[in-house]
Protein backbone atom coordinates (compact mmCIF):
# COMPACT_ATOMS: atom_id res chain seq x y z
CA MET A 1 -54.89 -40.64 -15.47
CA VAL A 2 -57.00 -39.67 -11.85
CA LYS A 3 -55.82 -36.04 -12.46
CA ARG A 4 -57.09 -36.24 -15.96
CA ILE A 5 -60.42 -37.52 -15.27
CA ILE A 6 -60.86 -34.14 -12.59
CA ASP A 7 -59.66 -32.05 -14.95
CA ILE A 8 -62.31 -33.19 -17.51
CA ILE A 9 -65.38 -33.15 -14.60
CA LEU A 10 -64.26 -29.70 -13.38
CA SER A 11 -63.99 -28.47 -16.77
CA LEU A 12 -67.60 -29.71 -17.66
CA VAL A 13 -69.01 -28.32 -14.03
CA PHE A 14 -67.76 -25.21 -14.35
CA SER A 15 -68.10 -24.14 -17.85
CA ILE A 16 -72.10 -25.58 -17.74
CA LEU A 17 -72.51 -23.44 -14.44
CA SER A 18 -70.86 -20.12 -16.24
CA LEU A 19 -72.41 -20.28 -19.44
CA PRO A 20 -75.09 -17.26 -18.53
CA VAL A 21 -72.02 -15.37 -17.91
CA CYS A 22 -70.23 -16.37 -20.55
CA ILE A 23 -73.00 -15.42 -23.12
CA ILE A 24 -73.40 -12.39 -21.46
CA ALA A 25 -69.64 -11.57 -21.58
CA ALA A 26 -69.70 -12.37 -25.41
CA ILE A 27 -72.75 -10.21 -26.19
CA ALA A 28 -71.12 -7.31 -24.04
CA ILE A 29 -67.63 -7.54 -25.70
CA LYS A 30 -69.27 -7.97 -29.15
CA LEU A 31 -71.79 -4.47 -28.91
CA GLU A 32 -68.79 -2.42 -27.28
CA GLY A 33 -66.26 -2.70 -30.15
CA GLY A 34 -67.54 -5.16 -33.15
CA LYS A 35 -64.18 -7.37 -32.56
CA SER A 36 -63.75 -10.78 -32.17
CA VAL A 37 -64.96 -12.25 -28.81
CA PHE A 38 -62.17 -14.38 -27.90
CA TYR A 39 -57.94 -13.38 -27.87
CA LEU A 40 -55.76 -16.22 -28.57
CA SER A 41 -52.63 -16.32 -26.68
CA GLN A 42 -49.90 -18.85 -27.72
CA ARG A 43 -48.36 -20.55 -24.77
CA ILE A 44 -45.66 -23.60 -24.28
CA GLY A 45 -47.70 -26.49 -22.96
CA LEU A 46 -46.54 -29.83 -21.41
CA GLY A 47 -43.27 -31.06 -23.12
CA GLY A 48 -42.81 -27.86 -24.61
CA ARG A 49 -46.14 -28.78 -27.52
CA LYS A 50 -47.41 -24.88 -28.40
CA PHE A 51 -51.17 -23.99 -27.73
CA ASN A 52 -53.29 -21.23 -28.29
CA MET A 53 -54.66 -20.34 -24.61
CA ILE A 54 -58.51 -19.17 -25.05
CA LYS A 55 -59.45 -15.93 -23.14
CA PHE A 56 -62.62 -13.28 -23.52
CA ARG A 57 -60.98 -9.87 -25.51
CA THR A 58 -60.76 -7.05 -22.90
CA MET A 59 -58.37 -4.56 -24.70
CA ASP A 60 -58.65 -2.93 -27.68
CA CYS A 61 -55.23 -1.90 -29.02
CA ASP A 62 -56.14 0.15 -32.16
CA ASN A 63 -54.96 3.70 -32.14
CA LYS A 64 -54.12 3.34 -28.33
CA THR A 65 -50.43 3.82 -28.39
CA LEU A 66 -48.56 3.67 -24.95
CA SER A 67 -45.94 6.34 -24.03
CA HIS A 68 -42.06 4.93 -23.59
CA GLU A 69 -42.33 5.08 -20.09
CA GLN A 70 -45.56 3.23 -19.72
CA THR A 71 -43.78 0.87 -22.72
CA GLU A 72 -40.56 -0.13 -20.06
CA GLN A 73 -43.35 -0.54 -17.33
CA PHE A 74 -45.44 -2.80 -19.05
CA GLN A 75 -42.24 -4.90 -20.02
CA GLN A 76 -40.97 -5.02 -16.58
CA ASN A 77 -44.38 -5.99 -14.96
CA PHE A 78 -46.83 -6.85 -17.66
CA LYS A 79 -49.68 -4.67 -16.46
CA LEU A 80 -49.96 -1.15 -16.28
CA PRO A 81 -52.17 0.59 -13.20
CA ASP A 82 -54.01 2.40 -16.10
CA ASP A 83 -54.06 0.82 -18.89
CA MET A 84 -56.31 2.89 -21.35
CA ARG A 85 -56.25 -0.26 -23.47
CA ILE A 86 -58.71 -1.71 -21.79
CA THR A 87 -62.34 -1.40 -22.54
CA LYS A 88 -64.72 -1.03 -19.75
CA VAL A 89 -66.47 -4.30 -20.43
CA GLY A 90 -62.50 -5.62 -20.27
CA ASN A 91 -62.35 -3.83 -17.14
CA TRP A 92 -65.42 -5.74 -15.88
CA LEU A 93 -64.53 -9.33 -17.07
CA ARG A 94 -60.66 -8.70 -15.40
CA ARG A 95 -61.88 -7.87 -11.80
CA ASN A 96 -64.09 -10.40 -11.66
CA SER A 97 -61.63 -13.19 -13.19
CA PHE A 98 -64.63 -14.13 -15.80
CA ASP A 99 -61.98 -13.13 -18.52
CA GLU A 100 -60.17 -16.73 -17.88
CA ILE A 101 -63.59 -18.87 -18.04
CA PRO A 102 -63.15 -19.56 -21.77
CA GLN A 103 -59.63 -21.65 -20.29
CA PHE A 104 -62.01 -24.72 -19.54
CA ILE A 105 -62.09 -25.00 -23.11
CA ASN A 106 -58.42 -25.85 -22.98
CA VAL A 107 -58.63 -27.65 -19.84
CA LEU A 108 -61.00 -29.82 -21.88
CA LYS A 109 -58.91 -30.30 -25.11
CA GLY A 110 -55.90 -31.39 -22.51
CA ASP A 111 -53.71 -28.41 -23.29
CA MET A 112 -53.22 -27.06 -19.79
CA SER A 113 -55.16 -28.49 -16.24
CA VAL A 114 -57.20 -26.95 -13.74
CA ILE A 115 -54.52 -26.96 -11.43
CA GLY A 116 -50.81 -26.41 -12.53
CA PRO A 117 -48.17 -23.57 -13.22
CA ARG A 118 -49.23 -20.58 -15.51
CA PRO A 119 -48.32 -22.01 -19.24
CA LYS A 120 -45.03 -20.08 -20.34
CA LEU A 121 -45.16 -17.65 -23.47
CA PRO A 122 -42.63 -19.12 -26.34
CA GLU A 123 -40.51 -15.82 -24.95
CA GLU A 124 -40.24 -17.18 -21.98
CA ILE A 125 -38.25 -20.43 -20.49
CA ASP A 126 -37.67 -22.07 -17.21
CA LEU A 127 -34.08 -22.37 -15.97
CA TYR A 128 -32.94 -24.21 -12.89
CA ASN A 129 -30.00 -24.07 -10.34
CA ASN A 130 -29.41 -27.61 -8.71
CA ASN A 131 -25.84 -26.69 -7.50
CA ARG A 132 -24.52 -29.98 -9.63
CA THR A 133 -20.65 -30.07 -9.75
CA TYR A 134 -20.23 -29.14 -12.95
CA THR A 135 -23.15 -27.01 -13.97
CA LYS A 136 -23.46 -24.82 -10.85
CA GLY A 137 -26.59 -22.82 -11.82
CA PHE A 138 -25.39 -21.96 -15.62
CA ASN A 139 -27.93 -23.13 -18.53
CA LEU A 140 -27.07 -22.44 -22.27
CA VAL A 141 -29.73 -20.58 -23.79
CA GLY A 142 -29.77 -18.61 -27.27
CA ASN A 143 -31.10 -15.57 -29.60
CA PRO A 144 -34.01 -16.84 -31.65
CA TYR A 145 -34.37 -14.10 -33.82
CA PRO A 146 -32.82 -13.17 -36.91
CA SER A 147 -31.54 -9.83 -35.46
CA PRO A 148 -29.39 -8.53 -32.40
CA ILE A 149 -30.92 -8.57 -28.96
CA ASN A 150 -29.80 -5.93 -26.23
CA TRP A 151 -29.46 -7.92 -22.96
CA ASN A 152 -29.68 -4.27 -21.72
CA ALA A 153 -33.02 -3.20 -23.47
CA ALA A 154 -36.26 -3.18 -21.22
CA GLY A 155 -38.27 -5.96 -22.06
CA TRP A 156 -36.33 -8.96 -20.26
CA THR A 157 -38.03 -10.87 -17.48
CA LYS A 158 -35.14 -11.95 -15.54
CA THR A 159 -36.37 -13.79 -12.16
CA ASN A 160 -33.48 -15.14 -10.16
CA ILE A 161 -31.10 -14.56 -13.07
CA ASP A 162 -27.64 -13.17 -12.35
CA ASP A 163 -26.81 -10.24 -14.76
CA ALA A 164 -23.76 -11.60 -16.26
CA LEU A 165 -23.52 -13.08 -19.74
CA TYR A 166 -21.09 -15.58 -20.54
CA PHE A 167 -20.12 -16.45 -24.56
CA PHE A 168 -18.19 -19.80 -25.92
CA LYS A 169 -15.50 -19.33 -28.07
CA ALA A 170 -14.60 -22.46 -29.96
CA SER A 171 -11.22 -23.59 -29.85
CA GLY A 172 -8.97 -23.54 -33.29
CA THR A 173 -6.67 -26.91 -31.91
CA ASP A 174 -8.92 -28.64 -29.87
CA GLN A 175 -12.20 -29.55 -31.64
CA TYR A 176 -14.08 -29.99 -28.29
CA GLY A 177 -12.83 -26.98 -26.29
CA GLY A 178 -12.84 -23.81 -26.30
CA SER A 179 -12.54 -20.66 -23.99
CA TYR A 180 -15.19 -17.98 -22.40
CA SER A 181 -15.53 -14.35 -22.05
CA SER A 182 -18.24 -12.64 -19.91
CA TYR A 183 -20.00 -9.37 -19.45
CA VAL A 184 -21.75 -7.75 -16.69
CA ASN A 185 -22.80 -3.99 -15.77
CA GLY A 186 -20.98 -2.56 -19.27
CA ASN A 187 -17.65 -4.38 -18.39
CA SER A 188 -16.39 -7.01 -20.52
CA SER A 189 -13.53 -9.92 -19.51
CA ASP A 190 -11.84 -9.82 -22.66
CA GLY A 191 -12.59 -6.27 -23.98
CA VAL A 192 -14.88 -7.64 -26.72
CA ALA A 193 -18.28 -9.35 -25.33
CA ASN A 194 -20.79 -6.77 -24.84
CA ALA A 195 -24.45 -6.20 -24.52
CA ILE A 196 -25.25 -7.11 -28.10
CA ILE A 197 -26.27 -10.72 -28.84
CA PRO A 198 -26.14 -11.31 -32.65
CA SER A 199 -28.86 -13.22 -34.51
CA MET A 200 -28.88 -17.24 -33.17
CA GLN A 201 -26.15 -16.77 -31.01
CA GLY A 202 -25.84 -18.94 -27.95
CA PHE A 203 -24.64 -17.61 -24.70
CA PHE A 204 -25.09 -18.79 -21.20
CA VAL A 205 -26.79 -17.24 -17.98
CA ARG A 206 -26.66 -18.63 -14.57
CA VAL A 207 -29.41 -19.33 -12.11
CA SER A 208 -28.93 -17.10 -8.84
CA THR A 209 -28.08 -19.21 -5.59
CA GLY A 210 -30.48 -19.80 -2.96
CA THR A 211 -32.48 -22.75 -1.29
CA TYR A 212 -32.05 -25.45 -4.03
CA PRO A 213 -33.18 -26.43 -6.74
CA VAL A 214 -33.93 -22.93 -7.24
CA THR A 215 -35.87 -22.20 -10.32
CA ALA A 216 -35.76 -18.94 -12.62
CA THR A 217 -37.69 -17.61 -15.55
CA LEU A 218 -35.94 -15.89 -18.41
CA GLY A 219 -38.16 -13.97 -20.90
CA PHE A 220 -38.05 -11.37 -23.68
CA SER A 221 -40.32 -9.03 -25.67
CA ASN A 222 -39.85 -7.98 -29.31
CA ASN A 223 -38.48 -4.70 -27.57
CA VAL A 224 -34.99 -6.34 -26.78
CA ARG A 225 -34.55 -6.47 -30.66
CA VAL A 226 -31.84 -3.97 -32.46
CA THR A 227 -31.24 -3.63 -35.88
CA ASN A 228 -27.52 -3.13 -35.60
CA LEU A 229 -26.41 -6.24 -38.24
CA ALA A 230 -23.00 -5.39 -38.15
CA PRO A 231 -21.43 -8.17 -35.45
CA PRO A 232 -20.85 -11.56 -36.91
CA PHE A 233 -20.37 -13.30 -33.45
CA PHE A 234 -20.54 -10.61 -30.25
CA LYS A 235 -20.19 -6.99 -30.59
CA SER A 236 -16.88 -4.74 -30.42
CA ALA A 237 -17.33 -3.06 -26.93
CA LYS A 238 -16.35 0.50 -26.01
CA ALA A 239 -13.87 1.60 -23.72
CA SER A 240 -15.08 1.52 -19.95
CA ALA A 241 -15.78 4.61 -18.21
CA VAL A 242 -15.23 3.12 -14.95
CA PRO A 243 -11.82 2.27 -13.08
CA LEU A 244 -10.99 -0.96 -14.60
CA ILE A 245 -7.55 -3.23 -14.86
CA ARG A 246 -7.37 -6.03 -17.03
CA ILE A 247 -4.84 -8.75 -16.79
CA THR A 248 -4.14 -11.95 -19.02
CA ALA A 249 -2.24 -15.19 -18.24
CA THR A 250 -0.53 -16.80 -21.40
CA PHE A 251 1.75 -19.74 -21.77
CA SER A 252 4.93 -18.37 -23.37
CA ASP A 253 5.24 -20.94 -26.12
CA ASP A 254 1.65 -20.16 -27.47
CA PRO A 255 0.91 -16.57 -27.57
CA LEU A 256 -2.82 -17.11 -28.80
CA SER A 257 -3.43 -19.09 -25.34
CA SER A 258 -4.30 -15.65 -23.33
CA ASP A 259 -7.42 -15.50 -20.62
CA PRO A 260 -8.02 -12.21 -19.17
CA THR A 261 -9.40 -11.29 -16.10
CA VAL A 262 -11.21 -7.82 -15.23
CA ILE A 263 -11.21 -5.65 -11.28
CA TYR A 264 -13.45 -2.66 -11.72
CA PHE A 265 -14.30 -0.75 -9.05
CA ASP A 266 -18.03 0.78 -8.57
CA GLU A 267 -19.66 2.79 -5.46
CA ASN A 268 -22.01 -0.45 -5.43
CA GLY A 269 -19.06 -2.85 -5.32
CA THR A 270 -18.42 -5.41 -2.35
CA GLU A 271 -15.77 -8.14 -1.71
CA GLN A 272 -18.24 -10.99 -2.24
CA MET A 273 -20.11 -12.23 -5.12
CA ASP A 274 -22.60 -9.60 -6.27
CA PRO A 275 -24.98 -11.36 -9.50
CA LYS A 276 -25.40 -7.99 -10.30
CA LEU A 277 -21.69 -6.65 -10.36
CA ASP A 278 -20.13 -9.40 -10.94
CA ALA A 279 -19.06 -12.34 -13.44
CA LEU A 280 -18.05 -16.12 -12.11
CA LYS A 281 -15.35 -17.78 -13.80
CA LEU A 282 -16.17 -20.12 -16.50
CA PHE A 283 -13.37 -22.35 -16.75
CA ASN A 284 -11.99 -23.08 -20.22
CA THR A 285 -12.51 -26.41 -21.82
CA ASP A 286 -9.68 -25.86 -24.41
CA LEU A 287 -6.57 -27.14 -21.75
CA SER A 288 -3.83 -25.41 -23.42
CA ILE A 289 -5.39 -22.18 -22.25
CA PRO A 290 -4.93 -21.34 -18.58
CA ASN A 291 -7.32 -20.08 -16.21
CA LEU A 292 -6.85 -16.80 -14.24
CA TYR A 293 -9.28 -15.00 -11.95
CA SER A 294 -9.66 -13.19 -9.17
CA VAL A 295 -10.79 -14.75 -5.68
CA THR A 296 -13.27 -13.08 -3.37
CA SER A 297 -13.18 -13.43 0.94
CA SER A 298 -15.65 -16.20 0.15
CA ASN A 299 -13.91 -18.23 -1.92
CA ASP A 300 -16.12 -17.36 -5.32
CA LYS A 301 -13.78 -17.45 -8.50
CA LEU A 302 -14.76 -14.43 -10.69
CA SER A 303 -13.73 -13.24 -14.20
CA ILE A 304 -15.39 -10.14 -13.81
CA SER A 305 -14.98 -8.75 -10.18
CA ALA A 306 -16.66 -5.28 -8.81
CA LEU A 307 -14.48 -3.45 -5.73
CA PRO A 308 -15.95 -0.44 -3.95
CA PRO A 309 -14.00 2.85 -4.58
CA ILE A 310 -10.92 3.74 -3.94
CA THR A 311 -8.84 5.79 -1.45
CA GLY A 312 -5.74 5.70 0.81
CA SER A 313 -3.19 3.17 1.09
CA PRO A 314 -2.05 0.27 -0.58
CA TYR A 315 -3.92 -3.25 -0.44
CA GLN A 316 -3.84 -6.41 -2.61
CA VAL A 317 -6.28 -8.37 -4.70
CA PRO A 318 -5.87 -12.67 -4.27
CA LEU A 319 -5.64 -13.89 -7.98
CA GLY A 320 -5.58 -17.64 -8.96
CA ILE A 321 -4.30 -19.42 -11.69
CA LYS A 322 -5.49 -23.02 -13.16
CA ALA A 323 -3.09 -24.53 -15.46
CA ASN A 324 -4.11 -28.00 -17.16
CA ARG A 325 -0.65 -28.28 -18.34
CA THR A 326 3.08 -27.49 -17.45
CA GLY A 327 4.87 -24.79 -18.51
CA THR A 328 5.66 -21.14 -17.99
CA ILE A 329 3.10 -18.83 -17.70
CA ASN A 330 3.51 -14.90 -18.37
CA ILE A 331 1.02 -12.32 -16.76
CA LYS A 332 0.97 -9.24 -18.36
CA LEU A 333 -1.35 -5.85 -17.36
CA LYS A 334 -3.47 -5.53 -20.71
CA ASP A 335 -5.49 -2.44 -20.17
CA ALA A 336 -5.50 -0.12 -16.98
CA GLU A 337 -7.51 3.24 -16.15
CA GLU A 338 -4.94 5.99 -15.90
CA GLY A 339 -6.00 6.88 -12.12
CA LEU A 340 -5.25 3.38 -10.90
CA ALA A 341 -1.78 3.30 -12.76
CA ALA A 342 -0.74 6.52 -11.12
CA GLY A 343 -0.24 4.46 -7.68
CA GLY A 344 1.44 1.56 -9.16
CA ILE A 345 0.16 -2.12 -10.12
CA PHE A 346 2.38 -4.70 -8.87
CA PHE A 347 1.94 -8.46 -9.70
CA THR A 348 2.96 -10.36 -6.19
CA ASP A 349 4.56 -13.88 -5.92
CA ILE A 350 4.43 -15.22 -2.17
CA VAL A 351 6.04 -18.05 -3.01
CA THR A 352 9.18 -16.44 -4.90
CA GLY A 353 8.90 -13.35 -3.10
CA VAL A 354 8.94 -11.49 -6.06
CA GLN A 355 6.98 -8.75 -6.74
CA GLN A 356 6.61 -7.23 -10.22
CA ASP A 357 5.88 -3.66 -11.59
CA MET A 358 3.36 -4.76 -14.04
CA LEU A 359 3.51 -1.12 -15.70
CA SER A 360 5.32 0.04 -18.93
CA GLY A 361 4.34 -3.00 -20.81
CA ASN A 362 6.52 -5.38 -17.92
CA GLN A 363 5.11 -8.89 -17.11
CA TYR A 364 5.73 -11.72 -14.81
CA SER A 365 7.02 -14.69 -15.75
CA VAL A 366 6.46 -18.27 -13.55
CA TYR A 367 7.10 -22.21 -14.27
CA LEU A 368 3.91 -23.92 -12.94
CA PRO A 369 3.27 -27.44 -13.07
CA SER A 370 -0.21 -28.24 -13.59
CA GLY A 371 -2.80 -27.59 -10.99
CA GLU A 372 -4.61 -24.75 -9.15
CA TYR A 373 -2.78 -22.10 -7.44
CA LEU A 374 -4.88 -20.17 -5.13
CA ASN A 375 -3.16 -17.88 -1.99
CA ARG A 376 -0.22 -17.51 -4.04
CA PHE A 377 -0.78 -14.78 -6.32
CA PHE A 378 -1.88 -11.11 -5.68
CA LEU A 379 -2.49 -7.96 -7.53
CA LYS A 380 -1.28 -5.01 -5.39
CA PHE A 381 -2.33 -1.50 -6.11
CA GLY A 382 0.18 1.07 -4.79
CA SER A 383 -2.00 3.83 -3.62
CA VAL A 384 -5.42 2.75 -3.10
CA THR A 385 -7.26 0.41 -0.58
CA THR A 386 -10.30 -1.81 0.43
CA SER A 387 -10.51 -4.25 3.14
CA VAL A 388 -8.46 -6.99 1.22
CA PRO A 389 -5.71 -8.09 3.64
CA VAL A 390 -2.65 -6.09 2.84
CA GLU A 391 0.71 -7.70 3.62
CA GLN A 392 2.82 -6.12 6.40
CA ARG A 393 6.01 -7.29 7.63
CA ASP A 394 5.71 -6.38 11.42
CA GLU A 395 7.52 -9.30 13.05
CA LYS A 396 6.13 -8.20 16.73
CA MET A 397 2.71 -9.95 15.32
CA PHE A 398 3.98 -13.56 14.66
CA LYS A 399 7.30 -15.28 14.66
CA VAL A 400 7.93 -19.02 13.37
CA PHE A 401 10.48 -21.32 13.67
CA ASN A 402 11.08 -25.05 13.13
CA SER A 403 12.15 -27.39 15.96
CA ASN A 404 12.71 -31.05 15.13
CA GLY A 405 9.55 -30.82 12.92
CA VAL A 406 7.53 -29.13 15.25
CA LEU A 407 6.34 -25.91 14.26
CA LYS A 408 6.93 -23.29 17.24
CA VAL A 409 4.41 -20.20 16.55
CA VAL A 410 4.82 -16.91 18.84
CA VAL A 411 1.37 -14.86 18.31
CA THR A 412 2.08 -11.63 20.06
CA ARG A 413 -0.49 -9.12 18.71
CA LEU A 414 -3.88 -9.83 17.02
CA PRO A 415 -5.26 -6.94 15.14
CA GLY A 416 -8.52 -8.63 14.15
CA GLY A 417 -9.57 -10.03 17.48
CA LYS A 418 -8.36 -13.77 15.96
CA GLY A 419 -5.97 -14.73 13.45
CA ASP A 420 -5.34 -17.68 10.63
CA LEU A 421 -2.35 -19.69 10.53
CA LEU A 422 -1.48 -21.08 6.96
CA ILE A 423 0.81 -23.35 5.82
CA PHE A 424 1.54 -23.56 1.79
CA ASN A 425 3.65 -25.92 -0.59
CA ILE A 426 6.13 -24.52 -3.05
CA LEU A 427 3.43 -24.74 -5.37
CA GLY A 428 1.05 -22.54 -3.39
CA GLN A 429 -1.13 -24.98 -2.16
CA GLN A 430 -2.77 -25.03 1.12
CA VAL A 431 -1.56 -27.67 2.96
CA PHE A 432 -2.37 -26.97 6.60
CA SER A 433 -4.43 -24.30 8.19
CA SER A 434 -5.48 -23.47 12.10
CA LYS A 435 -7.85 -20.27 14.10
CA ILE A 436 -5.44 -18.57 16.63
CA TYR A 437 -7.89 -16.84 18.63
CA GLU A 438 -5.16 -15.57 22.15
CA THR A 439 -1.98 -14.57 21.66
CA GLY A 440 0.82 -16.94 23.21
CA SER A 441 2.77 -19.53 22.36
CA TYR A 442 1.73 -22.65 20.21
CA ASP A 443 3.14 -25.61 18.88
CA TYR A 444 1.92 -27.58 15.73
CA SER A 445 2.99 -30.96 14.19
CA PRO A 446 1.59 -30.49 10.56
CA ALA A 447 1.31 -33.80 8.66
CA VAL A 448 3.34 -32.54 5.46
CA ASN A 449 6.62 -33.80 4.20
CA GLU A 450 10.48 -32.53 4.81
CA GLY A 451 10.92 -29.41 2.70
CA ILE A 452 10.49 -25.77 2.22
CA TYR A 453 6.84 -24.29 2.99
CA ILE A 454 5.25 -20.79 3.19
CA VAL A 455 4.06 -20.55 6.64
CA THR A 456 1.35 -16.75 6.43
CA PHE A 457 -0.34 -15.43 9.56
CA VAL A 458 -3.86 -13.57 8.80
CA SER A 459 -5.25 -11.54 11.61
CA GLY A 460 -7.54 -8.20 10.11
CA LYS A 461 -6.04 -6.16 8.00
CA GLU A 462 -2.51 -7.40 8.22
CA ARG A 463 -0.95 -10.68 6.67
CA ILE A 464 2.72 -11.57 7.40
CA SER A 465 4.53 -14.79 5.53
CA GLN A 466 7.69 -16.62 6.32
CA LYS A 467 9.58 -19.36 4.01
CA LEU A 468 10.62 -21.99 6.35
CA TYR A 469 12.04 -25.65 6.38
CA ILE A 470 9.67 -28.02 7.85
CA GLY A 471 11.29 -31.24 9.01
CA ALA A 472 13.60 -33.18 11.32
CA LYS A 473 16.33 -30.74 11.69
């Protein structure tokens, strides 16, 4: 109430003081162009209410079209350094901010406030990332047009918005569940989703990570619209021109429960989550579908992952699997670029010790109780390299044995300057970890039940895993 009173008083005072300027501006605009003195711009006010924001007219758009380059620049910045549509009077008004004086009428009407955020255009919305447990910055938006729109077209305003698109596909058996596909940088997780968003289609975008809460703006102009009316849901994507592989995880008793993940190679790719190149993993809400994803060195889970260009010796990419029910899961290579396939592609399970060749239609099958499995599965490329740790069978670096429940560890070499000792149970779940900074002998008494475990030691690019019984023996 106090703020509203202040708005009214300030608006009345400034309106009276600026009245001579307004009269001169109105006469000059009318004499120069003979058009309407005022320009009305539809905006979104408090509570989502639409209103017409009043400004003095400063442009003459008749018979003055922009070039393609100027159009793209205007769509990105909403202004041009030398905009030929601005009149001489308009230039004077803008330079002195006199064109905004009529907005005091909006303040008096209660449409806006003297002090507050700029009213948004109808095509712009504010989105947020509050780092909440389940949403993690994801926001549901939609295409309001009766025609498709192109996510890659000029005409979008994406402030603090990741470049990835996420689509939800409703389950045919679970009325409350479904699965997700993603698209980023020309690559699709399932080979179907791409940049074309059909009319009235809902989709998810993610507000970028930052100092929470993060506020973002998503806006668009008519230039994002396309005339291709063919796709009923989202348009089939063309084959990717980049080195790419796509693998799937499927329950053996349900061929329709397939969940894909994509790894591709880009000169700008990194081993961290890149909001311009990678897409995070949105976990399926249809519990009959498993979840397959790659894992970054900072433990981000990705449905589409961009890595640096590949050359040299073998390396492996960590994968994760989350299953909401117990069953046998089949891992299969669905798509692979020839250059990647030439060196061999292998799926590694460090618990069973199996390294399955994924080419020639082969698949790896594993029985998994419900749960999430990290640090157990890896995708190995036979003739490529990144800085992803590669398993090395150099026993001189690390030795371990059990003595009456005490873990005896001998470290003779630290190629990375330090190392990590990790213990996993037979399900692939990490149950113990410790950092090692010097070579020597170490004794550990991990608080675990008696049984078989996988003891892994990682230092630099080298990794050794050993199956070991831990307990009184």
